[in-house]
N, C-alpha and C. Protein backbone atom coordinates (compact mmCIF):
# COMPACT_ATOMS: atom_id res chain seq x y z
N MET A 1 19.15 -0.85 5.14
CA MET A 1 17.90 -0.10 5.08
C MET A 1 17.17 -0.06 6.43
N ILE A 2 17.36 -1.11 7.23
CA ILE A 2 16.72 -1.16 8.55
C ILE A 2 17.34 -0.09 9.45
N LYS A 3 18.66 -0.03 9.43
CA LYS A 3 19.35 1.01 10.20
C LYS A 3 18.92 2.39 9.76
N THR A 4 18.84 2.60 8.45
CA THR A 4 18.42 3.89 7.89
C THR A 4 17.06 4.30 8.44
N ALA A 5 16.10 3.38 8.40
CA ALA A 5 14.74 3.68 8.83
C ALA A 5 14.66 3.99 10.31
N LEU A 6 15.28 3.16 11.14
CA LEU A 6 15.14 3.33 12.58
C LEU A 6 15.89 4.56 13.09
N GLN A 7 17.03 4.86 12.49
CA GLN A 7 17.74 6.07 12.90
C GLN A 7 16.96 7.32 12.49
N PHE A 8 16.31 7.26 11.33
CA PHE A 8 15.48 8.39 10.90
C PHE A 8 14.30 8.60 11.84
N ILE A 9 13.58 7.53 12.18
CA ILE A 9 12.43 7.63 13.08
C ILE A 9 12.88 8.13 14.45
N LYS A 10 13.99 7.62 14.95
CA LYS A 10 14.52 8.08 16.24
C LYS A 10 14.75 9.59 16.23
N SER A 11 15.41 10.07 15.17
CA SER A 11 15.73 11.49 15.07
C SER A 11 14.46 12.35 14.99
N GLU A 12 13.50 11.93 14.16
CA GLU A 12 12.28 12.69 13.99
C GLU A 12 11.43 12.69 15.27
N LEU A 13 11.35 11.55 15.93
CA LEU A 13 10.57 11.45 17.17
C LEU A 13 11.19 12.31 18.26
N GLU A 14 12.50 12.25 18.37
CA GLU A 14 13.18 13.04 19.40
C GLU A 14 12.98 14.54 19.16
N SER A 15 13.07 14.98 17.91
CA SER A 15 12.84 16.40 17.59
C SER A 15 11.41 16.80 17.92
N PHE A 16 10.45 15.92 17.62
CA PHE A 16 9.04 16.19 17.91
C PHE A 16 8.81 16.33 19.41
N MET A 17 9.39 15.43 20.20
CA MET A 17 9.21 15.48 21.65
C MET A 17 9.82 16.74 22.24
N ARG A 18 10.94 17.17 21.72
CA ARG A 18 11.56 18.40 22.23
C ARG A 18 10.72 19.63 21.87
N ARG A 19 10.15 19.63 20.68
CA ARG A 19 9.30 20.76 20.29
C ARG A 19 8.05 20.82 21.15
N ARG A 20 7.41 19.68 21.34
CA ARG A 20 6.14 19.64 22.06
C ARG A 20 6.33 19.67 23.59
N GLY A 21 7.42 19.06 24.05
CA GLY A 21 7.62 18.97 25.50
C GLY A 21 8.23 20.21 26.11
N GLY A 22 8.92 21.00 25.28
CA GLY A 22 9.49 22.25 25.78
C GLY A 22 10.48 22.05 26.91
N ASP A 23 10.27 22.80 28.00
CA ASP A 23 11.21 22.79 29.12
C ASP A 23 11.29 21.43 29.81
N ALA A 24 10.27 20.60 29.66
CA ALA A 24 10.27 19.29 30.32
C ALA A 24 11.43 18.42 29.84
N TYR A 25 11.90 18.67 28.61
CA TYR A 25 12.97 17.86 28.05
C TYR A 25 14.26 18.64 27.82
N SER A 26 14.32 19.87 28.27
CA SER A 26 15.48 20.72 27.97
C SER A 26 16.77 20.19 28.58
N ALA A 27 16.67 19.52 29.73
CA ALA A 27 17.88 19.03 30.40
C ALA A 27 18.18 17.57 30.07
N VAL A 28 17.40 16.96 29.20
CA VAL A 28 17.58 15.54 28.86
C VAL A 28 18.47 15.43 27.63
N SER A 29 19.57 14.68 27.74
CA SER A 29 20.50 14.57 26.61
C SER A 29 20.01 13.55 25.58
N ASP A 30 19.54 12.38 26.03
CA ASP A 30 19.05 11.34 25.13
C ASP A 30 17.60 11.04 25.45
N LEU A 31 16.70 11.58 24.64
CA LEU A 31 15.28 11.31 24.84
C LEU A 31 14.92 9.91 24.34
N VAL A 32 15.39 9.59 23.16
CA VAL A 32 15.06 8.31 22.52
C VAL A 32 16.36 7.56 22.27
N LEU A 33 16.38 6.29 22.67
CA LEU A 33 17.57 5.47 22.49
C LEU A 33 17.21 4.24 21.67
N LEU A 34 17.92 4.05 20.57
CA LEU A 34 17.72 2.87 19.72
C LEU A 34 18.58 1.75 20.29
N THR A 35 17.93 0.80 20.96
CA THR A 35 18.67 -0.20 21.69
C THR A 35 17.83 -1.43 21.97
N GLY A 36 18.48 -2.52 22.28
CA GLY A 36 17.78 -3.69 22.81
C GLY A 36 17.46 -3.47 24.28
N LEU A 37 16.50 -4.20 24.78
CA LEU A 37 16.15 -4.08 26.19
C LEU A 37 17.12 -4.85 27.07
N VAL A 38 17.82 -5.79 26.47
CA VAL A 38 18.80 -6.60 27.19
C VAL A 38 20.13 -6.53 26.44
N LYS A 39 21.23 -6.40 27.18
CA LYS A 39 22.54 -6.33 26.57
C LYS A 39 23.00 -7.72 26.13
N ARG A 40 24.09 -7.76 25.40
CA ARG A 40 24.61 -9.02 24.89
C ARG A 40 24.99 -9.99 26.00
N ASP A 41 25.39 -9.46 27.16
CA ASP A 41 25.78 -10.33 28.26
C ASP A 41 24.60 -10.81 29.09
N GLY A 42 23.37 -10.41 28.69
CA GLY A 42 22.18 -10.86 29.39
C GLY A 42 21.67 -9.90 30.44
N SER A 43 22.43 -8.86 30.75
CA SER A 43 22.00 -7.88 31.74
C SER A 43 21.03 -6.88 31.10
N LEU A 44 20.20 -6.28 31.92
CA LEU A 44 19.21 -5.33 31.42
C LEU A 44 19.87 -4.04 30.97
N GLN A 45 19.32 -3.44 29.94
CA GLN A 45 19.79 -2.16 29.45
C GLN A 45 19.46 -1.08 30.49
N THR A 46 20.44 -0.29 30.87
CA THR A 46 20.23 0.74 31.89
C THR A 46 20.65 2.13 31.43
N ASP A 47 21.04 2.27 30.16
CA ASP A 47 21.45 3.59 29.67
C ASP A 47 20.29 4.57 29.83
N PRO A 48 20.58 5.79 30.31
CA PRO A 48 19.50 6.76 30.57
C PRO A 48 18.83 7.24 29.29
N ALA A 49 17.52 7.21 29.28
CA ALA A 49 16.71 7.70 28.16
C ALA A 49 15.26 7.72 28.63
N ASN A 50 14.39 8.37 27.88
CA ASN A 50 12.96 8.36 28.19
C ASN A 50 12.23 7.27 27.43
N ILE A 51 12.68 7.03 26.19
CA ILE A 51 12.05 6.01 25.34
C ILE A 51 13.13 5.10 24.78
N TYR A 52 12.91 3.79 24.91
CA TYR A 52 13.75 2.82 24.22
C TYR A 52 13.02 2.37 22.95
N MET A 53 13.75 2.37 21.84
CA MET A 53 13.25 1.86 20.56
C MET A 53 13.89 0.51 20.31
N THR A 54 13.08 -0.54 20.16
CA THR A 54 13.63 -1.89 20.02
C THR A 54 12.97 -2.62 18.86
N LEU A 55 13.76 -3.11 17.94
CA LEU A 55 13.25 -3.93 16.84
C LEU A 55 12.93 -5.32 17.38
N THR A 56 11.68 -5.75 17.23
CA THR A 56 11.28 -7.05 17.77
C THR A 56 11.11 -8.12 16.69
N HIS A 57 10.84 -7.70 15.45
CA HIS A 57 10.52 -8.70 14.42
C HIS A 57 10.61 -8.06 13.05
N LEU A 58 11.01 -8.86 12.06
CA LEU A 58 11.04 -8.43 10.66
C LEU A 58 10.33 -9.45 9.80
N GLU A 59 9.63 -8.97 8.78
CA GLU A 59 9.00 -9.88 7.84
C GLU A 59 8.93 -9.20 6.48
N GLU A 60 8.93 -9.99 5.43
CA GLU A 60 8.74 -9.44 4.09
C GLU A 60 7.24 -9.39 3.79
N GLU A 61 6.79 -8.27 3.29
CA GLU A 61 5.39 -8.16 2.90
C GLU A 61 5.25 -8.71 1.49
N ARG A 62 4.55 -9.81 1.39
CA ARG A 62 4.38 -10.47 0.10
C ARG A 62 3.32 -9.76 -0.72
N LEU A 63 3.67 -9.44 -1.95
CA LEU A 63 2.75 -8.77 -2.85
C LEU A 63 2.45 -9.68 -4.03
N GLU A 64 1.18 -9.71 -4.44
CA GLU A 64 0.82 -10.51 -5.60
C GLU A 64 1.32 -9.84 -6.88
N ASN A 65 1.55 -10.67 -7.87
CA ASN A 65 1.98 -10.18 -9.19
C ASN A 65 3.24 -9.32 -9.11
N LYS A 66 4.16 -9.76 -8.26
CA LYS A 66 5.42 -9.05 -8.12
C LYS A 66 6.29 -9.33 -9.34
N GLN A 67 6.55 -8.32 -10.13
CA GLN A 67 7.23 -8.51 -11.41
C GLN A 67 8.59 -7.84 -11.41
N PRO A 68 9.54 -8.39 -12.19
CA PRO A 68 10.84 -7.72 -12.37
C PRO A 68 10.65 -6.35 -13.02
N VAL A 69 11.65 -5.51 -12.84
CA VAL A 69 11.63 -4.17 -13.42
C VAL A 69 12.57 -4.16 -14.62
N TYR A 70 12.07 -3.67 -15.77
CA TYR A 70 12.86 -3.63 -17.00
C TYR A 70 13.23 -2.19 -17.31
N GLN A 71 14.48 -1.99 -17.71
CA GLN A 71 14.95 -0.64 -17.98
C GLN A 71 15.98 -0.68 -19.10
N HIS A 72 15.93 0.31 -20.00
CA HIS A 72 16.90 0.37 -21.08
C HIS A 72 18.30 0.62 -20.52
N ALA A 73 19.26 -0.16 -21.00
CA ALA A 73 20.64 0.02 -20.59
C ALA A 73 21.15 1.36 -21.09
N ARG A 74 22.06 1.96 -20.34
CA ARG A 74 22.57 3.28 -20.72
C ARG A 74 23.33 3.23 -22.04
N ASN A 75 23.95 2.09 -22.31
CA ASN A 75 24.69 2.01 -23.56
C ASN A 75 23.79 1.69 -24.76
N GLY A 76 22.47 1.61 -24.49
CA GLY A 76 21.51 1.39 -25.57
C GLY A 76 21.44 -0.06 -26.00
N GLY A 77 20.42 -0.35 -26.75
CA GLY A 77 20.29 -1.69 -27.31
C GLY A 77 19.55 -2.65 -26.40
N ARG A 78 20.22 -3.20 -25.39
CA ARG A 78 19.63 -4.25 -24.58
C ARG A 78 18.84 -3.68 -23.40
N ILE A 79 18.05 -4.57 -22.80
CA ILE A 79 17.22 -4.21 -21.65
C ILE A 79 17.80 -4.83 -20.39
N GLN A 80 17.98 -4.02 -19.34
CA GLN A 80 18.44 -4.54 -18.05
C GLN A 80 17.24 -5.01 -17.23
N VAL A 81 17.43 -6.11 -16.52
CA VAL A 81 16.37 -6.70 -15.72
C VAL A 81 16.74 -6.59 -14.25
N PHE A 82 15.90 -5.90 -13.46
CA PHE A 82 16.13 -5.72 -12.03
C PHE A 82 15.07 -6.49 -11.25
N GLN A 83 15.48 -7.01 -10.11
CA GLN A 83 14.51 -7.63 -9.23
C GLN A 83 13.60 -6.56 -8.64
N PRO A 84 12.32 -6.87 -8.38
CA PRO A 84 11.39 -5.85 -7.87
C PRO A 84 11.82 -5.35 -6.50
N PRO A 85 11.43 -4.12 -6.14
CA PRO A 85 11.77 -3.57 -4.83
C PRO A 85 11.23 -4.45 -3.70
N ILE A 86 11.90 -4.41 -2.57
CA ILE A 86 11.50 -5.18 -1.40
C ILE A 86 10.69 -4.28 -0.46
N ARG A 87 9.63 -4.83 0.10
CA ARG A 87 8.91 -4.14 1.16
C ARG A 87 8.99 -4.99 2.43
N LEU A 88 9.64 -4.42 3.43
CA LEU A 88 9.79 -5.10 4.71
C LEU A 88 8.86 -4.48 5.74
N ASN A 89 8.37 -5.31 6.64
CA ASN A 89 7.62 -4.85 7.80
C ASN A 89 8.51 -5.00 9.03
N ALA A 90 8.79 -3.88 9.69
CA ALA A 90 9.62 -3.89 10.90
C ALA A 90 8.71 -3.58 12.09
N TYR A 91 8.68 -4.47 13.04
CA TYR A 91 7.88 -4.26 14.25
C TYR A 91 8.78 -3.66 15.32
N VAL A 92 8.46 -2.44 15.73
CA VAL A 92 9.33 -1.69 16.63
C VAL A 92 8.58 -1.37 17.92
N LEU A 93 9.18 -1.72 19.05
CA LEU A 93 8.60 -1.49 20.36
C LEU A 93 9.14 -0.19 20.94
N PHE A 94 8.25 0.68 21.35
CA PHE A 94 8.61 1.94 22.00
C PHE A 94 8.24 1.82 23.47
N SER A 95 9.24 1.77 24.34
CA SER A 95 9.03 1.53 25.77
C SER A 95 9.32 2.79 26.56
N GLY A 96 8.39 3.14 27.46
CA GLY A 96 8.61 4.26 28.36
C GLY A 96 9.42 3.79 29.56
N VAL A 97 10.69 4.19 29.65
CA VAL A 97 11.59 3.63 30.67
C VAL A 97 11.99 4.64 31.73
N ASN A 98 11.31 5.76 31.79
CA ASN A 98 11.60 6.72 32.85
C ASN A 98 11.28 6.10 34.20
N ASP A 99 12.12 6.35 35.20
CA ASP A 99 11.89 5.78 36.54
C ASP A 99 10.60 6.30 37.16
N ASP A 100 10.20 7.50 36.76
CA ASP A 100 8.94 8.06 37.25
C ASP A 100 7.80 7.58 36.35
N TYR A 101 6.90 6.76 36.90
CA TYR A 101 5.88 6.10 36.09
C TYR A 101 4.99 7.09 35.34
N PRO A 102 4.43 8.13 36.00
CA PRO A 102 3.61 9.10 35.25
C PRO A 102 4.37 9.76 34.10
N THR A 103 5.67 10.01 34.30
CA THR A 103 6.48 10.61 33.23
C THR A 103 6.63 9.65 32.07
N ALA A 104 6.78 8.36 32.36
CA ALA A 104 6.88 7.36 31.31
C ALA A 104 5.60 7.32 30.48
N LEU A 105 4.46 7.45 31.15
CA LEU A 105 3.18 7.47 30.43
C LEU A 105 3.07 8.72 29.56
N ARG A 106 3.55 9.84 30.08
CA ARG A 106 3.55 11.08 29.28
C ARG A 106 4.41 10.91 28.03
N ASP A 107 5.57 10.29 28.21
CA ASP A 107 6.47 10.09 27.07
C ASP A 107 5.83 9.23 26.00
N LEU A 108 5.14 8.17 26.42
CA LEU A 108 4.45 7.31 25.46
C LEU A 108 3.34 8.06 24.74
N SER A 109 2.69 8.98 25.43
CA SER A 109 1.64 9.79 24.79
C SER A 109 2.23 10.62 23.66
N PHE A 110 3.45 11.11 23.84
CA PHE A 110 4.13 11.85 22.78
C PHE A 110 4.43 10.94 21.59
N VAL A 111 4.80 9.69 21.87
CA VAL A 111 5.05 8.74 20.78
C VAL A 111 3.78 8.53 19.96
N ALA A 112 2.66 8.29 20.66
CA ALA A 112 1.39 8.07 19.97
C ALA A 112 0.98 9.30 19.17
N THR A 113 1.18 10.48 19.74
CA THR A 113 0.81 11.72 19.05
C THR A 113 1.69 11.93 17.82
N PHE A 114 2.98 11.61 17.94
CA PHE A 114 3.90 11.76 16.81
C PHE A 114 3.44 10.93 15.61
N PHE A 115 3.12 9.66 15.85
CA PHE A 115 2.73 8.80 14.74
C PHE A 115 1.31 9.09 14.25
N GLN A 116 0.50 9.71 15.11
CA GLN A 116 -0.84 10.12 14.65
C GLN A 116 -0.71 11.29 13.67
N HIS A 117 0.26 12.16 13.91
CA HIS A 117 0.47 13.30 13.01
C HIS A 117 1.28 12.91 11.78
N TYR A 118 2.25 12.07 11.97
CA TYR A 118 3.18 11.73 10.89
C TYR A 118 3.22 10.21 10.75
N ASN A 119 2.39 9.68 9.89
CA ASN A 119 2.38 8.22 9.72
C ASN A 119 2.93 7.76 8.37
N VAL A 120 3.28 8.71 7.50
CA VAL A 120 3.91 8.37 6.22
C VAL A 120 5.10 9.31 6.02
N PHE A 121 6.24 8.72 5.71
CA PHE A 121 7.46 9.50 5.47
C PHE A 121 8.00 9.10 4.10
N ARG A 122 7.97 10.05 3.17
CA ARG A 122 8.47 9.80 1.81
C ARG A 122 9.73 10.62 1.57
N SER A 123 10.64 10.07 0.82
CA SER A 123 11.91 10.74 0.58
C SER A 123 11.74 12.09 -0.10
N ALA A 124 10.67 12.24 -0.90
CA ALA A 124 10.43 13.52 -1.58
C ALA A 124 10.12 14.62 -0.58
N GLN A 125 9.41 14.28 0.51
CA GLN A 125 9.04 15.27 1.52
C GLN A 125 10.07 15.36 2.65
N TYR A 126 10.87 14.31 2.82
CA TYR A 126 11.87 14.27 3.89
C TYR A 126 13.25 14.00 3.28
N PRO A 127 13.94 15.07 2.87
CA PRO A 127 15.26 14.88 2.24
C PRO A 127 16.26 14.20 3.17
N ASN A 128 16.01 14.26 4.48
CA ASN A 128 16.93 13.65 5.45
C ASN A 128 16.60 12.19 5.72
N LEU A 129 15.67 11.61 4.98
CA LEU A 129 15.27 10.22 5.22
C LEU A 129 16.47 9.28 5.11
N ASN A 130 17.33 9.52 4.13
CA ASN A 130 18.49 8.66 3.91
C ASN A 130 19.79 9.34 4.35
N GLU A 131 19.66 10.25 5.29
CA GLU A 131 20.80 11.04 5.74
C GLU A 131 21.90 10.19 6.37
N SER A 132 21.50 9.10 7.03
CA SER A 132 22.49 8.28 7.74
C SER A 132 23.25 7.33 6.81
N VAL A 133 22.88 7.28 5.53
CA VAL A 133 23.55 6.38 4.59
C VAL A 133 24.83 7.04 4.09
N SER A 134 25.95 6.39 4.36
CA SER A 134 27.22 6.92 3.85
C SER A 134 27.46 6.38 2.44
N ASN A 135 27.91 7.25 1.55
CA ASN A 135 28.16 6.87 0.14
C ASN A 135 26.95 6.17 -0.48
N PRO A 136 25.83 6.89 -0.66
CA PRO A 136 24.61 6.28 -1.21
C PRO A 136 24.84 5.55 -2.53
N GLN A 137 25.74 6.06 -3.37
CA GLN A 137 25.98 5.41 -4.66
C GLN A 137 26.63 4.04 -4.48
N LEU A 138 27.40 3.89 -3.42
CA LEU A 138 28.05 2.61 -3.15
C LEU A 138 27.17 1.69 -2.32
N ASN A 139 26.15 2.25 -1.67
CA ASN A 139 25.27 1.46 -0.81
C ASN A 139 23.80 1.68 -1.16
N PRO A 140 23.41 1.39 -2.42
CA PRO A 140 22.04 1.68 -2.83
C PRO A 140 21.00 0.85 -2.09
N THR A 141 21.39 -0.33 -1.59
CA THR A 141 20.42 -1.18 -0.89
C THR A 141 20.07 -0.64 0.48
N GLN A 142 20.78 0.39 0.96
CA GLN A 142 20.46 0.99 2.25
C GLN A 142 19.46 2.13 2.12
N LEU A 143 19.11 2.49 0.89
CA LEU A 143 18.24 3.64 0.66
C LEU A 143 16.77 3.25 0.77
N LEU A 144 15.98 4.19 1.28
CA LEU A 144 14.54 4.00 1.42
C LEU A 144 13.81 5.05 0.60
N SER A 145 12.66 4.68 0.08
CA SER A 145 11.83 5.67 -0.60
C SER A 145 10.61 6.04 0.24
N GLU A 146 10.25 5.17 1.21
CA GLU A 146 9.05 5.46 2.01
C GLU A 146 9.02 4.62 3.28
N ILE A 147 8.49 5.22 4.36
CA ILE A 147 8.20 4.51 5.60
C ILE A 147 6.75 4.82 5.97
N THR A 148 5.98 3.80 6.26
CA THR A 148 4.60 3.97 6.71
C THR A 148 4.47 3.34 8.09
N ALA A 149 3.89 4.08 9.04
CA ALA A 149 3.78 3.61 10.42
C ALA A 149 2.32 3.31 10.77
N GLN A 150 2.13 2.20 11.48
CA GLN A 150 0.78 1.79 11.90
C GLN A 150 0.86 1.19 13.29
N LEU A 151 0.01 1.66 14.21
CA LEU A 151 -0.05 1.09 15.55
C LEU A 151 -0.51 -0.35 15.45
N PHE A 152 0.23 -1.25 16.08
CA PHE A 152 -0.06 -2.68 16.00
C PHE A 152 -0.59 -3.14 17.35
N THR A 153 -1.85 -3.52 17.39
CA THR A 153 -2.49 -3.94 18.64
C THR A 153 -2.25 -5.42 18.87
N ILE A 154 -1.85 -5.76 20.08
CA ILE A 154 -1.59 -7.16 20.43
C ILE A 154 -2.41 -7.55 21.64
N THR A 155 -2.61 -8.85 21.81
CA THR A 155 -3.37 -9.38 22.95
C THR A 155 -2.45 -9.47 24.16
N TYR A 156 -3.04 -9.76 25.33
CA TYR A 156 -2.24 -9.95 26.54
C TYR A 156 -1.27 -11.12 26.37
N GLU A 157 -1.72 -12.19 25.71
CA GLU A 157 -0.87 -13.35 25.49
C GLU A 157 0.33 -13.00 24.60
N GLN A 158 0.06 -12.24 23.53
CA GLN A 158 1.14 -11.83 22.64
C GLN A 158 2.11 -10.89 23.36
N GLN A 159 1.54 -10.01 24.16
CA GLN A 159 2.37 -9.07 24.93
C GLN A 159 3.30 -9.83 25.87
N SER A 160 2.75 -10.82 26.56
CA SER A 160 3.55 -11.62 27.48
C SER A 160 4.65 -12.36 26.74
N TYR A 161 4.33 -12.89 25.56
CA TYR A 161 5.32 -13.63 24.77
C TYR A 161 6.45 -12.71 24.32
N ILE A 162 6.10 -11.51 23.85
CA ILE A 162 7.11 -10.57 23.36
C ILE A 162 8.10 -10.23 24.47
N TRP A 163 7.57 -9.87 25.64
CA TRP A 163 8.46 -9.45 26.72
C TRP A 163 9.28 -10.62 27.24
N SER A 164 8.71 -11.81 27.25
CA SER A 164 9.47 -12.98 27.68
C SER A 164 10.60 -13.28 26.69
N SER A 165 10.29 -13.20 25.39
CA SER A 165 11.31 -13.47 24.37
C SER A 165 12.42 -12.43 24.38
N LEU A 166 12.08 -11.19 24.78
CA LEU A 166 13.09 -10.14 24.88
C LEU A 166 13.92 -10.26 26.15
N GLY A 167 13.46 -11.07 27.08
CA GLY A 167 14.20 -11.28 28.33
C GLY A 167 14.11 -10.12 29.29
N ALA A 168 13.02 -9.37 29.21
CA ALA A 168 12.87 -8.19 30.08
C ALA A 168 11.50 -8.21 30.75
N LYS A 169 11.38 -7.42 31.81
CA LYS A 169 10.10 -7.29 32.49
C LYS A 169 9.28 -6.21 31.80
N TYR A 170 7.98 -6.41 31.83
CA TYR A 170 7.09 -5.49 31.11
C TYR A 170 7.21 -4.06 31.64
N THR A 171 7.17 -3.14 30.70
CA THR A 171 7.09 -1.72 31.01
C THR A 171 6.11 -1.10 30.01
N PRO A 172 5.45 -0.01 30.35
CA PRO A 172 4.48 0.58 29.41
C PRO A 172 5.10 0.79 28.04
N SER A 173 4.38 0.40 27.00
CA SER A 173 4.98 0.41 25.67
C SER A 173 3.91 0.47 24.59
N LEU A 174 4.36 0.80 23.38
CA LEU A 174 3.53 0.79 22.18
C LEU A 174 4.30 0.04 21.10
N LEU A 175 3.59 -0.79 20.34
CA LEU A 175 4.22 -1.54 19.26
C LEU A 175 3.73 -0.97 17.92
N TYR A 176 4.68 -0.61 17.06
CA TYR A 176 4.33 -0.07 15.74
C TYR A 176 4.88 -0.96 14.64
N LYS A 177 4.08 -1.07 13.60
CA LYS A 177 4.48 -1.78 12.40
C LYS A 177 4.94 -0.74 11.38
N LEU A 178 6.21 -0.78 11.03
CA LEU A 178 6.77 0.16 10.06
C LEU A 178 6.95 -0.56 8.74
N ARG A 179 6.26 -0.09 7.72
CA ARG A 179 6.42 -0.64 6.37
C ARG A 179 7.53 0.13 5.67
N LEU A 180 8.55 -0.60 5.27
CA LEU A 180 9.72 0.02 4.66
C LEU A 180 9.78 -0.33 3.18
N LEU A 181 9.67 0.67 2.32
CA LEU A 181 9.78 0.45 0.88
C LEU A 181 11.22 0.72 0.47
N ILE A 182 11.89 -0.32 0.00
CA ILE A 182 13.31 -0.24 -0.30
C ILE A 182 13.53 0.20 -1.74
N VAL A 183 14.45 1.13 -1.94
CA VAL A 183 14.86 1.48 -3.30
C VAL A 183 15.63 0.29 -3.86
N PHE A 184 15.20 -0.21 -5.02
CA PHE A 184 15.84 -1.44 -5.51
C PHE A 184 17.26 -1.20 -5.98
N ASP A 185 18.06 -2.26 -5.88
CA ASP A 185 19.47 -2.21 -6.23
C ASP A 185 19.63 -1.88 -7.71
N GLN A 186 20.47 -0.88 -8.00
CA GLN A 186 20.66 -0.44 -9.38
C GLN A 186 21.69 -1.27 -10.14
N GLU A 187 22.27 -2.26 -9.49
CA GLU A 187 23.25 -3.11 -10.16
C GLU A 187 22.59 -4.44 -10.54
N THR A 188 22.82 -4.86 -11.76
CA THR A 188 22.26 -6.12 -12.22
C THR A 188 23.18 -6.75 -13.25
N GLU A 189 23.15 -8.06 -13.30
CA GLU A 189 23.91 -8.78 -14.32
C GLU A 189 22.97 -9.40 -15.34
N GLN A 190 21.67 -9.16 -15.18
CA GLN A 190 20.69 -9.75 -16.08
C GLN A 190 20.32 -8.77 -17.18
N GLU A 191 20.33 -9.25 -18.39
CA GLU A 191 19.92 -8.45 -19.54
C GLU A 191 19.07 -9.31 -20.45
N SER A 192 18.26 -8.64 -21.24
CA SER A 192 17.46 -9.34 -22.24
C SER A 192 17.44 -8.51 -23.51
N ALA A 193 17.14 -9.16 -24.61
CA ALA A 193 17.06 -8.45 -25.88
C ALA A 193 15.80 -7.60 -25.91
N PRO A 194 15.83 -6.43 -26.56
CA PRO A 194 14.64 -5.59 -26.63
C PRO A 194 13.52 -6.26 -27.42
N ILE A 195 12.30 -6.01 -27.01
CA ILE A 195 11.13 -6.54 -27.71
C ILE A 195 10.60 -5.47 -28.65
N LEU A 196 10.57 -5.78 -29.90
CA LEU A 196 10.10 -4.83 -30.90
C LEU A 196 8.64 -5.10 -31.21
N GLU A 197 7.81 -4.12 -30.97
CA GLU A 197 6.38 -4.28 -31.23
C GLU A 197 5.93 -3.23 -32.25
N GLY A 198 4.90 -3.59 -32.96
CA GLY A 198 4.31 -2.64 -33.88
C GLY A 198 5.13 -2.38 -35.12
N ALA A 199 6.06 -3.31 -35.45
CA ALA A 199 6.85 -3.13 -36.66
C ALA A 199 5.96 -3.22 -37.88
N SER A 200 6.13 -2.34 -38.85
CA SER A 200 5.26 -2.29 -40.02
C SER A 200 6.04 -2.64 -41.28
N ARG A 201 5.35 -3.13 -42.25
CA ARG A 201 5.95 -3.42 -43.53
C ARG A 201 5.28 -2.59 -44.61
N GLU A 202 6.05 -2.23 -45.59
CA GLU A 202 5.48 -1.48 -46.70
C GLU A 202 4.79 -2.44 -47.65
N ASN A 203 3.54 -2.16 -47.94
CA ASN A 203 2.80 -3.00 -48.89
C ASN A 203 3.07 -2.56 -50.31
N PRO A 204 3.32 -3.48 -51.17
CA PRO A 204 3.56 -3.10 -52.59
C PRO A 204 2.29 -2.51 -53.18
N ILE A 205 2.47 -1.57 -54.07
CA ILE A 205 1.31 -0.95 -54.74
C ILE A 205 0.95 -1.77 -55.96
């Protein structure tokens, strides 16, 4: 589901920048690159792009009164018990990596404008939200029903910590918190007997 979300955001952001930027981006092959800032061997990422998208942190959003989901089995009779859907928070760093500093700032402005216009993405409105999922029926846990984006403000100390932990030198960037609502897994081994309520008895006359 994380891959699904980030590839979708990358695609939508890149399309937005090309529409708004016009000729400024016509000769650019990769506007947005989903990548770490440092490669596996410890060297800095140098692949050409205007914006690097980097996942910095994941957390589960804890909800009160989180209850299992009950559904009638297709064969009738018993009730299937599903675990409640998961909501993950993905913190994604958008870095302006163009060698020309003013251009990098312009690119970041497009990122901010994109999320100001489009901060909620629901599968009903975006049929391509789960486009990158191969064989959705076989991979239901990769499906998303919603992504919500929120600009996440950090202090100078937090900023320094993030860049140090990533092993890279600071570059102009924006940090967004993406709330990912996961479509719950449709497979379960848990069942329960149906609860019969409101059963009536005939009173003798």
